[in-house]
Amino acid sequence: MNMILEFLIANRESLHLEKYNLSDKLDFVLLAPRFRASSHILFLIFPRGSPRPTLVVKVPRLAGINNSVEREAANLSAIQASRPEGFNSIPYLVAIQESHNR
């Protein structure tokens, strides 16, 4: 998890995390689906002390190229771009970035 928090803090300005009221003090919850077919781990990112997550980080369980994450990112971007004001009920893509071969 340190790699994710470090990435978010190091890229805070370029990711415009101030829009999400995220400072350099973050908490998280790890969600690791137990079924074998799950190839990802999810991290819910919270501003310190907040009961509501602000970001979701999806990380492949195994290192290497992960086409499903790239496809999901493209689909989220396309659907948000299909309407000038976007859709508040659908997640916004903040970033897709390789880090530590994931």
PDB file of N, CA and C in Angstrom:
ATOM      1  N   MET A   1       0.813  -1.195   0.000  1.00  0.00           N
ATOM      2  CA  MET A   1       0.000   0.000   0.000  1.00  0.00           C
ATOM      3  C   MET A   1       0.852   1.252   0.000  1.00  0.00           C
ATOM      4  N   ASN A   2       2.042   1.165   0.575  1.00  0.00           N
ATOM      5  CA  ASN A   2       2.908   2.343   0.599  1.00  0.00           C
ATOM      6  C   ASN A   2       3.161   2.884  -0.796  1.00  0.00           C
ATOM      7  N   MET A   3       3.310   1.990  -1.791  1.00  0.00           N
ATOM      8  CA  MET A   3       3.586   2.469  -3.147  1.00  0.00           C
ATOM      9  C   MET A   3       2.419   3.296  -3.677  1.00  0.00           C
ATOM     10  N   ILE A   4       1.199   2.947  -3.316  1.00  0.00           N
ATOM     11  CA  ILE A   4       0.043   3.703  -3.788  1.00  0.00           C
ATOM     12  C   ILE A   4      -0.042   5.055  -3.090  1.00  0.00           C
ATOM     13  N   LEU A   5       0.092   5.062  -1.774  1.00  0.00           N
ATOM     14  CA  LEU A   5       0.067   6.337  -1.048  1.00  0.00           C
ATOM     15  C   LEU A   5       1.209   7.236  -1.495  1.00  0.00           C
ATOM     16  N   GLU A   6       2.397   6.678  -1.663  1.00  0.00           N
ATOM     17  CA  GLU A   6       3.540   7.467  -2.132  1.00  0.00           C
ATOM     18  C   GLU A   6       3.275   8.037  -3.514  1.00  0.00           C
ATOM     19  N   PHE A   7       2.698   7.235  -4.407  1.00  0.00           N
ATOM     20  CA  PHE A   7       2.372   7.709  -5.746  1.00  0.00           C
ATOM     21  C   PHE A   7       1.381   8.862  -5.681  1.00  0.00           C
ATOM     22  N   LEU A   8       0.309   8.702  -4.907  1.00  0.00           N
ATOM     23  CA  LEU A   8      -0.701   9.757  -4.811  1.00  0.00           C
ATOM     24  C   LEU A   8      -0.122  11.041  -4.239  1.00  0.00           C
ATOM     25  N   ILE A   9       0.685  10.915  -3.204  1.00  0.00           N
ATOM     26  CA  ILE A   9       1.280  12.105  -2.585  1.00  0.00           C
ATOM     27  C   ILE A   9       2.280  12.766  -3.524  1.00  0.00           C
ATOM     28  N   ALA A  10       3.121  11.962  -4.181  1.00  0.00           N
ATOM     29  CA  ALA A  10       4.127  12.512  -5.095  1.00  0.00           C
ATOM     30  C   ALA A  10       3.494  13.174  -6.318  1.00  0.00           C
ATOM     31  N   ASN A  11       2.330  12.697  -6.730  1.00  0.00           N
ATOM     32  CA  ASN A  11       1.669  13.211  -7.930  1.00  0.00           C
ATOM     33  C   ASN A  11       0.415  14.021  -7.616  1.00  0.00           C
ATOM     34  N   ARG A  12       0.332  14.469  -6.398  1.00  0.00           N
ATOM     35  CA  ARG A  12      -0.847  15.196  -5.927  1.00  0.00           C
ATOM     36  C   ARG A  12      -1.226  16.356  -6.838  1.00  0.00           C
ATOM     37  N   GLU A  13      -0.255  17.159  -7.224  1.00  0.00           N
ATOM     38  CA  GLU A  13      -0.541  18.328  -8.066  1.00  0.00           C
ATOM     39  C   GLU A  13      -0.926  17.930  -9.479  1.00  0.00           C
ATOM     40  N   SER A  14      -0.172  17.025 -10.101  1.00  0.00           N
ATOM     41  CA  SER A  14      -0.467  16.652 -11.488  1.00  0.00           C
ATOM     42  C   SER A  14      -1.792  15.894 -11.609  1.00  0.00           C
ATOM     43  N   LEU A  15      -2.213  15.217 -10.560  1.00  0.00           N
ATOM     44  CA  LEU A  15      -3.499  14.511 -10.568  1.00  0.00           C
ATOM     45  C   LEU A  15      -4.655  15.407 -10.105  1.00  0.00           C
ATOM     46  N   HIS A  16      -4.328  16.619  -9.686  1.00  0.00           N
ATOM     47  CA  HIS A  16      -5.320  17.593  -9.212  1.00  0.00           C
ATOM     48  C   HIS A  16      -6.156  17.024  -8.059  1.00  0.00           C
ATOM     49  N   LEU A  17      -5.477  16.405  -7.110  1.00  0.00           N
ATOM     50  CA  LEU A  17      -6.176  15.772  -5.991  1.00  0.00           C
ATOM     51  C   LEU A  17      -6.851  16.777  -5.061  1.00  0.00           C
ATOM     52  N   GLU A  18      -6.491  18.052  -5.177  1.00  0.00           N
ATOM     53  CA  GLU A  18      -7.155  19.065  -4.359  1.00  0.00           C
ATOM     54  C   GLU A  18      -8.650  19.134  -4.707  1.00  0.00           C
ATOM     55  N   LYS A  19      -9.012  18.755  -5.947  1.00  0.00           N
ATOM     56  CA  LYS A  19     -10.435  18.722  -6.334  1.00  0.00           C
ATOM     57  C   LYS A  19     -11.219  17.733  -5.483  1.00  0.00           C
ATOM     58  N   TYR A  20     -10.527  16.750  -4.936  1.00  0.00           N
ATOM     59  CA  TYR A  20     -11.169  15.693  -4.166  1.00  0.00           C
ATOM     60  C   TYR A  20     -10.947  15.860  -2.666  1.00  0.00           C
ATOM     61  N   ASN A  21     -10.448  17.032  -2.270  1.00  0.00           N
ATOM     62  CA  ASN A  21     -10.172  17.337  -0.861  1.00  0.00           C
ATOM     63  C   ASN A  21      -9.213  16.331  -0.225  1.00  0.00           C
ATOM     64  N   LEU A  22      -8.215  15.925  -0.987  1.00  0.00           N
ATOM     65  CA  LEU A  22      -7.207  14.995  -0.473  1.00  0.00           C
ATOM     66  C   LEU A  22      -5.926  15.747  -0.160  1.00  0.00           C
ATOM     67  N   SER A  23      -5.474  15.626   1.053  1.00  0.00           N
ATOM     68  CA  SER A  23      -4.208  16.235   1.452  1.00  0.00           C
ATOM     69  C   SER A  23      -3.142  15.154   1.399  1.00  0.00           C
ATOM     70  N   ASP A  24      -2.040  15.361   2.071  1.00  0.00           N
ATOM     71  CA  ASP A  24      -0.990  14.346   2.108  1.00  0.00           C
ATOM     72  C   ASP A  24      -1.216  13.360   3.254  1.00  0.00           C
ATOM     73  N   LYS A  25      -2.331  13.487   3.946  1.00  0.00           N
ATOM     74  CA  LYS A  25      -2.683  12.559   5.016  1.00  0.00           C
ATOM     75  C   LYS A  25      -3.870  11.722   4.545  1.00  0.00           C
ATOM     76  N   LEU A  26      -3.578  10.470   4.210  1.00  0.00           N
ATOM     77  CA  LEU A  26      -4.579   9.595   3.624  1.00  0.00           C
ATOM     78  C   LEU A  26      -4.722   8.308   4.426  1.00  0.00           C
ATOM     79  N   ASP A  27      -5.910   7.772   4.430  1.00  0.00           N
ATOM     80  CA  ASP A  27      -6.173   6.454   4.995  1.00  0.00           C
ATOM     81  C   ASP A  27      -6.687   5.573   3.860  1.00  0.00           C
ATOM     82  N   PHE A  28      -6.712   4.259   4.088  1.00  0.00           N
ATOM     83  CA  PHE A  28      -7.180   3.356   3.047  1.00  0.00           C
ATOM     84  C   PHE A  28      -7.823   2.114   3.651  1.00  0.00           C
ATOM     85  N   VAL A  29      -8.609   1.448   2.824  1.00  0.00           N
ATOM     86  CA  VAL A  29      -9.158   0.127   3.125  1.00  0.00           C
ATOM     87  C   VAL A  29      -8.797  -0.748   1.933  1.00  0.00           C
ATOM     88  N   LEU A  30      -8.287  -1.916   2.201  1.00  0.00           N
ATOM     89  CA  LEU A  30      -7.902  -2.872   1.166  1.00  0.00           C
ATOM     90  C   LEU A  30      -9.036  -3.863   0.947  1.00  0.00           C
ATOM     91  N   LEU A  31      -9.413  -4.065  -0.306  1.00  0.00           N
ATOM     92  CA  LEU A  31     -10.428  -5.047  -0.667  1.00  0.00           C
ATOM     93  C   LEU A  31      -9.781  -6.072  -1.596  1.00  0.00           C
ATOM     94  N   ALA A  32      -9.683  -7.296  -1.143  1.00  0.00           N
ATOM     95  CA  ALA A  32      -9.079  -8.362  -1.941  1.00  0.00           C
ATOM     96  C   ALA A  32     -10.120  -9.456  -2.128  1.00  0.00           C
ATOM     97  N   PRO A  33     -10.785  -9.461  -3.279  1.00  0.00           N
ATOM     98  CA  PRO A  33     -11.781 -10.507  -3.518  1.00  0.00           C
ATOM     99  C   PRO A  33     -11.173 -11.891  -3.327  1.00  0.00           C
ATOM    100  N   ARG A  34     -11.943 -12.778  -2.740  1.00  0.00           N
ATOM    101  CA  ARG A  34     -11.434 -14.101  -2.408  1.00  0.00           C
ATOM    102  C   ARG A  34     -11.576 -15.100  -3.554  1.00  0.00           C
ATOM    103  N   PHE A  35     -12.392 -14.772  -4.555  1.00  0.00           N
ATOM    104  CA  PHE A  35     -12.571 -15.736  -5.630  1.00  0.00           C
ATOM    105  C   PHE A  35     -11.360 -15.733  -6.567  1.00  0.00           C
ATOM    106  N   ARG A  36     -11.014 -16.900  -7.065  1.00  0.00           N
ATOM    107  CA  ARG A  36      -9.791 -17.084  -7.854  1.00  0.00           C
ATOM    108  C   ARG A  36      -9.744 -16.252  -9.121  1.00  0.00           C
ATOM    109  N   ALA A  37     -10.880 -16.051  -9.761  1.00  0.00           N
ATOM    110  CA  ALA A  37     -10.898 -15.337 -11.036  1.00  0.00           C
ATOM    111  C   ALA A  37     -10.556 -13.859 -10.888  1.00  0.00           C
ATOM    112  N   SER A  38     -10.605 -13.329  -9.685  1.00  0.00           N
ATOM    113  CA  SER A  38     -10.299 -11.918  -9.477  1.00  0.00           C
ATOM    114  C   SER A  38      -8.818 -11.670  -9.698  1.00  0.00           C
ATOM    115  N   SER A  39      -8.526 -10.792 -10.638  1.00  0.00           N
ATOM    116  CA  SER A  39      -7.129 -10.509 -10.949  1.00  0.00           C
ATOM    117  C   SER A  39      -6.684  -9.155 -10.406  1.00  0.00           C
ATOM    118  N   HIS A  40      -7.518  -8.523  -9.572  1.00  0.00           N
ATOM    119  CA  HIS A  40      -7.217  -7.187  -9.055  1.00  0.00           C
ATOM    120  C   HIS A  40      -7.441  -7.091  -7.551  1.00  0.00           C
ATOM    121  N   ILE A  41      -6.793  -6.097  -6.987  1.00  0.00           N
ATOM    122  CA  ILE A  41      -6.999  -5.707  -5.600  1.00  0.00           C
ATOM    123  C   ILE A  41      -7.459  -4.256  -5.634  1.00  0.00           C
ATOM    124  N   LEU A  42      -8.419  -3.916  -4.801  1.00  0.00           N
ATOM    125  CA  LEU A  42      -8.929  -2.552  -4.745  1.00  0.00           C
ATOM    126  C   LEU A  42      -8.523  -1.895  -3.433  1.00  0.00           C
ATOM    127  N   PHE A  43      -8.199  -0.619  -3.527  1.00  0.00           N
ATOM    128  CA  PHE A  43      -7.907   0.200  -2.356  1.00  0.00           C
ATOM    129  C   PHE A  43      -8.879   1.369  -2.359  1.00  0.00           C
ATOM    130  N   LEU A  44      -9.609   1.533  -1.276  1.00  0.00           N
ATOM    131  CA  LEU A  44     -10.456   2.710  -1.109  1.00  0.00           C
ATOM    132  C   LEU A  44      -9.626   3.748  -0.364  1.00  0.00           C
ATOM    133  N   ILE A  45      -9.498   4.935  -0.926  1.00  0.00           N
ATOM    134  CA  ILE A  45      -8.669   5.994  -0.358  1.00  0.00           C
ATOM    135  C   ILE A  45      -9.571   7.039   0.284  1.00  0.00           C
ATOM    136  N   PHE A  46      -9.276   7.353   1.542  1.00  0.00           N
ATOM    137  CA  PHE A  46     -10.056   8.300   2.332  1.00  0.00           C
ATOM    138  C   PHE A  46      -9.186   9.475   2.753  1.00  0.00           C
ATOM    139  N   PRO A  47      -9.735  10.691   2.776  1.00  0.00           N
ATOM    140  CA  PRO A  47      -9.040  11.760   3.485  1.00  0.00           C
ATOM    141  C   PRO A  47      -8.969  11.350   4.961  1.00  0.00           C
ATOM    142  N   ARG A  48      -7.863  11.591   5.620  1.00  0.00           N
ATOM    143  CA  ARG A  48      -7.702  11.185   7.021  1.00  0.00           C
ATOM    144  C   ARG A  48      -8.892  11.624   7.849  1.00  0.00           C
ATOM    145  N   GLY A  49      -9.515  10.670   8.552  1.00  0.00           N
ATOM    146  CA  GLY A  49     -10.628  10.956   9.443  1.00  0.00           C
ATOM    147  C   GLY A  49     -12.002  10.949   8.789  1.00  0.00           C
ATOM    148  N   SER A  50     -12.059  10.836   7.465  1.00  0.00           N
ATOM    149  CA  SER A  50     -13.346  10.857   6.778  1.00  0.00           C
ATOM    150  C   SER A  50     -13.937   9.447   6.711  1.00  0.00           C
ATOM    151  N   PRO A  51     -15.261   9.332   6.838  1.00  0.00           N
ATOM    152  CA  PRO A  51     -15.890   8.014   6.734  1.00  0.00           C
ATOM    153  C   PRO A  51     -16.207   7.612   5.290  1.00  0.00           C
ATOM    154  N   ARG A  52     -16.018   8.534   4.326  1.00  0.00           N
ATOM    155  CA  ARG A  52     -16.374   8.268   2.930  1.00  0.00           C
ATOM    156  C   ARG A  52     -15.135   8.202   2.055  1.00  0.00           C
ATOM    157  N   PRO A  53     -15.008   7.141   1.239  1.00  0.00           N
ATOM    158  CA  PRO A  53     -13.863   7.076   0.329  1.00  0.00           C
ATOM    159  C   PRO A  53     -13.994   8.121  -0.767  1.00  0.00           C
ATOM    160  N   THR A  54     -12.852   8.611  -1.205  1.00  0.00           N
ATOM    161  CA  THR A  54     -12.816   9.607  -2.262  1.00  0.00           C
ATOM    162  C   THR A  54     -12.303   9.017  -3.566  1.00  0.00           C
ATOM    163  N   LEU A  55     -11.353   8.108  -3.474  1.00  0.00           N
ATOM    164  CA  LEU A  55     -10.781   7.469  -4.664  1.00  0.00           C
ATOM    165  C   LEU A  55     -10.815   5.958  -4.509  1.00  0.00           C
ATOM    166  N   VAL A  56     -10.833   5.280  -5.649  1.00  0.00           N
ATOM    167  CA  VAL A  56     -10.654   3.832  -5.693  1.00  0.00           C
ATOM    168  C   VAL A  56      -9.438   3.577  -6.567  1.00  0.00           C
ATOM    169  N   VAL A  57      -8.522   2.782  -6.054  1.00  0.00           N
ATOM    170  CA  VAL A  57      -7.331   2.412  -6.824  1.00  0.00           C
ATOM    171  C   VAL A  57      -7.445   0.926  -7.125  1.00  0.00           C
ATOM    172  N   LYS A  58      -7.311   0.581  -8.399  1.00  0.00           N
ATOM    173  CA  LYS A  58      -7.404  -0.812  -8.829  1.00  0.00           C
ATOM    174  C   LYS A  58      -6.014  -1.239  -9.282  1.00  0.00           C
ATOM    175  N   VAL A  59      -5.497  -2.302  -8.660  1.00  0.00           N
ATOM    176  CA  VAL A  59      -4.138  -2.766  -8.921  1.00  0.00           C
ATOM    177  C   VAL A  59      -4.180  -4.244  -9.300  1.00  0.00           C
ATOM    178  N   PRO A  60      -3.483  -4.629 -10.369  1.00  0.00           N
ATOM    179  CA  PRO A  60      -3.449  -6.049 -10.706  1.00  0.00           C
ATOM    180  C   PRO A  60      -2.726  -6.845  -9.623  1.00  0.00           C
ATOM    181  N   ARG A  61      -3.203  -8.052  -9.360  1.00  0.00           N
ATOM    182  CA  ARG A  61      -2.550  -8.913  -8.371  1.00  0.00           C
ATOM    183  C   ARG A  61      -1.146  -9.310  -8.819  1.00  0.00           C
ATOM    184  N   LEU A  62      -0.983  -9.508 -10.121  1.00  0.00           N
ATOM    185  CA  LEU A  62       0.299  -9.940 -10.659  1.00  0.00           C
ATOM    186  C   LEU A  62       0.932  -8.830 -11.477  1.00  0.00           C
ATOM    187  N   ALA A  63       2.249  -8.748 -11.440  1.00  0.00           N
ATOM    188  CA  ALA A  63       2.975  -7.742 -12.214  1.00  0.00           C
ATOM    189  C   ALA A  63       2.820  -8.018 -13.706  1.00  0.00           C
ATOM    190  N   GLY A  64       2.976  -6.987 -14.490  1.00  0.00           N
ATOM    191  CA  GLY A  64       2.921  -7.139 -15.941  1.00  0.00           C
ATOM    192  C   GLY A  64       1.791  -6.350 -16.556  1.00  0.00           C
ATOM    193  N   ILE A  65       1.640  -6.509 -17.848  1.00  0.00           N
ATOM    194  CA  ILE A  65       0.611  -5.788 -18.596  1.00  0.00           C
ATOM    195  C   ILE A  65      -0.770  -6.282 -18.186  1.00  0.00           C
ATOM    196  N   ASN A  66      -1.676  -5.344 -18.029  1.00  0.00           N
ATOM    197  CA  ASN A  66      -3.032  -5.709 -17.656  1.00  0.00           C
ATOM    198  C   ASN A  66      -4.006  -4.977 -18.566  1.00  0.00           C
ATOM    199  N   ASN A  67      -4.409  -5.640 -19.618  1.00  0.00           N
ATOM    200  CA  ASN A  67      -5.285  -5.024 -20.615  1.00  0.00           C
ATOM    201  C   ASN A  67      -6.665  -4.686 -20.074  1.00  0.00           C
ATOM    202  N   SER A  68      -7.154  -5.448 -19.093  1.00  0.00           N
ATOM    203  CA  SER A  68      -8.501  -5.180 -18.597  1.00  0.00           C
ATOM    204  C   SER A  68      -8.573  -3.834 -17.876  1.00  0.00           C
ATOM    205  N   VAL A  69      -7.516  -3.450 -17.176  1.00  0.00           N
ATOM    206  CA  VAL A  69      -7.502  -2.141 -16.505  1.00  0.00           C
ATOM    207  C   VAL A  69      -7.476  -1.029 -17.551  1.00  0.00           C
ATOM    208  N   GLU A  70      -6.675  -1.208 -18.585  1.00  0.00           N
ATOM    209  CA  GLU A  70      -6.613  -0.200 -19.651  1.00  0.00           C
ATOM    210  C   GLU A  70      -7.955  -0.081 -20.370  1.00  0.00           C
ATOM    211  N   ARG A  71      -8.601  -1.203 -20.629  1.00  0.00           N
ATOM    212  CA  ARG A  71      -9.910  -1.193 -21.286  1.00  0.00           C
ATOM    213  C   ARG A  71     -10.949  -0.506 -20.387  1.00  0.00           C
ATOM    214  N   GLU A  72     -10.938  -0.813 -19.102  1.00  0.00           N
ATOM    215  CA  GLU A  72     -11.873  -0.184 -18.172  1.00  0.00           C
ATOM    216  C   GLU A  72     -11.638   1.327 -18.099  1.00  0.00           C
ATOM    217  N   ALA A  73     -10.386   1.753 -18.084  1.00  0.00           N
ATOM    218  CA  ALA A  73     -10.059   3.184 -18.055  1.00  0.00           C
ATOM    219  C   ALA A  73     -10.570   3.878 -19.319  1.00  0.00           C
ATOM    220  N   ALA A  74     -10.373   3.247 -20.464  1.00  0.00           N
ATOM    221  CA  ALA A  74     -10.848   3.830 -21.725  1.00  0.00           C
ATOM    222  C   ALA A  74     -12.369   3.936 -21.733  1.00  0.00           C
ATOM    223  N   ASN A  75     -13.048   2.910 -21.216  1.00  0.00           N
ATOM    224  CA  ASN A  75     -14.510   2.944 -21.174  1.00  0.00           C
ATOM    225  C   ASN A  75     -15.029   4.027 -20.234  1.00  0.00           C
ATOM    226  N   LEU A  76     -14.407   4.181 -19.061  1.00  0.00           N
ATOM    227  CA  LEU A  76     -14.820   5.243 -18.136  1.00  0.00           C
ATOM    228  C   LEU A  76     -14.629   6.614 -18.766  1.00  0.00           C
ATOM    229  N   SER A  77     -13.496   6.820 -19.427  1.00  0.00           N
ATOM    230  CA  SER A  77     -13.228   8.105 -20.085  1.00  0.00           C
ATOM    231  C   SER A  77     -14.233   8.375 -21.191  1.00  0.00           C
ATOM    232  N   ALA A  78     -14.519   7.360 -21.993  1.00  0.00           N
ATOM    233  CA  ALA A  78     -15.447   7.534 -23.117  1.00  0.00           C
ATOM    234  C   ALA A  78     -16.850   7.871 -22.631  1.00  0.00           C
ATOM    235  N   ILE A  79     -17.322   7.170 -21.622  1.00  0.00           N
ATOM    236  CA  ILE A  79     -18.689   7.438 -21.158  1.00  0.00           C
ATOM    237  C   ILE A  79     -18.785   8.818 -20.512  1.00  0.00           C
ATOM    238  N   GLN A  80     -17.772   9.240 -19.773  1.00  0.00           N
ATOM    239  CA  GLN A  80     -17.801  10.577 -19.164  1.00  0.00           C
ATOM    240  C   GLN A  80     -17.732  11.659 -20.239  1.00  0.00           C
ATOM    241  N   ALA A  81     -16.993  11.394 -21.315  1.00  0.00           N
ATOM    242  CA  ALA A  81     -16.863  12.379 -22.403  1.00  0.00           C
ATOM    243  C   ALA A  81     -18.121  12.460 -23.263  1.00  0.00           C
ATOM    244  N   SER A  82     -19.025  11.504 -23.142  1.00  0.00           N
ATOM    245  CA  SER A  82     -20.217  11.491 -23.985  1.00  0.00           C
ATOM    246  C   SER A  82     -21.265  12.521 -23.566  1.00  0.00           C
ATOM    247  N   ARG A  83     -21.035  13.160 -22.459  1.00  0.00           N
ATOM    248  CA  ARG A  83     -21.970  14.176 -21.952  1.00  0.00           C
ATOM    249  C   ARG A  83     -21.131  15.331 -21.404  1.00  0.00           C
ATOM    250  N   PRO A  84     -21.413  16.570 -21.821  1.00  0.00           N
ATOM    251  CA  PRO A  84     -20.567  17.699 -21.413  1.00  0.00           C
ATOM    252  C   PRO A  84     -20.303  17.791 -19.917  1.00  0.00           C
ATOM    253  N   GLU A  85     -21.312  17.552 -19.086  1.00  0.00           N
ATOM    254  CA  GLU A  85     -21.119  17.646 -17.634  1.00  0.00           C
ATOM    255  C   GLU A  85     -20.745  16.305 -17.009  1.00  0.00           C
ATOM    256  N   GLY A  86     -20.599  15.260 -17.824  1.00  0.00           N
ATOM    257  CA  GLY A  86     -20.251  13.943 -17.307  1.00  0.00           C
ATOM    258  C   GLY A  86     -21.417  13.327 -16.556  1.00  0.00           C
ATOM    259  N   PHE A  87     -21.128  12.287 -15.786  1.00  0.00           N
ATOM    260  CA  PHE A  87     -22.137  11.573 -15.016  1.00  0.00           C
ATOM    261  C   PHE A  87     -21.636  11.413 -13.587  1.00  0.00           C
ATOM    262  N   ASN A  88     -22.315  12.022 -12.635  1.00  0.00           N
ATOM    263  CA  ASN A  88     -21.889  11.905 -11.236  1.00  0.00           C
ATOM    264  C   ASN A  88     -22.068  10.495 -10.684  1.00  0.00           C
ATOM    265  N   SER A  89     -22.914   9.699 -11.300  1.00  0.00           N
ATOM    266  CA  SER A  89     -23.173   8.346 -10.810  1.00  0.00           C
ATOM    267  C   SER A  89     -22.159   7.325 -11.344  1.00  0.00           C
ATOM    268  N   ILE A  90     -21.250   7.770 -12.192  1.00  0.00           N
ATOM    269  CA  ILE A  90     -20.229   6.890 -12.778  1.00  0.00           C
ATOM    270  C   ILE A  90     -18.867   7.433 -12.366  1.00  0.00           C
ATOM    271  N   PRO A  91     -17.948   6.565 -11.959  1.00  0.00           N
ATOM    272  CA  PRO A  91     -16.620   7.052 -11.535  1.00  0.00           C
ATOM    273  C   PRO A  91     -15.899   7.831 -12.639  1.00  0.00           C
ATOM    274  N   TYR A  92     -15.151   8.832 -12.232  1.00  0.00           N
ATOM    275  CA  TYR A  92     -14.287   9.587 -13.132  1.00  0.00           C
ATOM    276  C   TYR A  92     -12.895   8.980 -13.065  1.00  0.00           C
ATOM    277  N   LEU A  93     -12.252   8.872 -14.207  1.00  0.00           N
ATOM    278  CA  LEU A  93     -10.880   8.381 -14.239  1.00  0.00           C
ATOM    279  C   LEU A  93      -9.949   9.517 -13.827  1.00  0.00           C
ATOM    280  N   VAL A  94      -9.182   9.305 -12.787  1.00  0.00           N
ATOM    281  CA  VAL A  94      -8.209  10.307 -12.330  1.00  0.00           C
ATOM    282  C   VAL A  94      -6.872  10.062 -13.007  1.00  0.00           C
ATOM    283  N   ALA A  95      -6.453   8.786 -13.087  1.00  0.00           N
ATOM    284  CA  ALA A  95      -5.178   8.454 -13.713  1.00  0.00           C
ATOM    285  C   ALA A  95      -5.117   6.965 -14.002  1.00  0.00           C
ATOM    286  N   ILE A  96      -4.355   6.651 -15.022  1.00  0.00           N
ATOM    287  CA  ILE A  96      -3.946   5.266 -15.243  1.00  0.00           C
ATOM    288  C   ILE A  96      -2.434   5.339 -15.414  1.00  0.00           C
ATOM    289  N   GLN A  97      -1.734   4.683 -14.521  1.00  0.00           N
ATOM    290  CA  GLN A  97      -0.292   4.864 -14.460  1.00  0.00           C
ATOM    291  C   GLN A  97       0.371   3.562 -14.041  1.00  0.00           C
ATOM    292  N   GLU A  98       1.388   3.163 -14.773  1.00  0.00           N
ATOM    293  CA  GLU A  98       2.166   1.997 -14.364  1.00  0.00           C
ATOM    294  C   GLU A  98       3.126   2.414 -13.263  1.00  0.00           C
ATOM    295  N   SER A  99       3.194   1.600 -12.238  1.00  0.00           N
ATOM    296  CA  SER A  99       4.109   1.846 -11.136  1.00  0.00           C
ATOM    297  C   SER A  99       4.539   0.499 -10.574  1.00  0.00           C
ATOM    298  N   HIS A 100       5.831   0.309 -10.402  1.00  0.00           N
ATOM    299  CA  HIS A 100       6.357  -0.936  -9.873  1.00  0.00           C
ATOM    300  C   HIS A 100       5.895  -2.133 -10.707  1.00  0.00           C
ATOM    301  N   ASN A 101       5.866  -1.963 -12.021  1.00  0.00           N
ATOM    302  CA  ASN A 101       5.481  -3.012 -12.975  1.00  0.00           C
ATOM    303  C   ASN A 101       4.043  -3.481 -12.759  1.00  0.00           C
ATOM    304  N   ARG A 102       3.192  -2.589 -12.256  1.00  0.00           N
ATOM    305  CA  ARG A 102       1.762  -2.878 -12.084  1.00  0.00           C
ATOM    306  C   ARG A 102       0.974  -1.709 -12.643  1.00  0.00           C
TER     307      ARG A 102
END
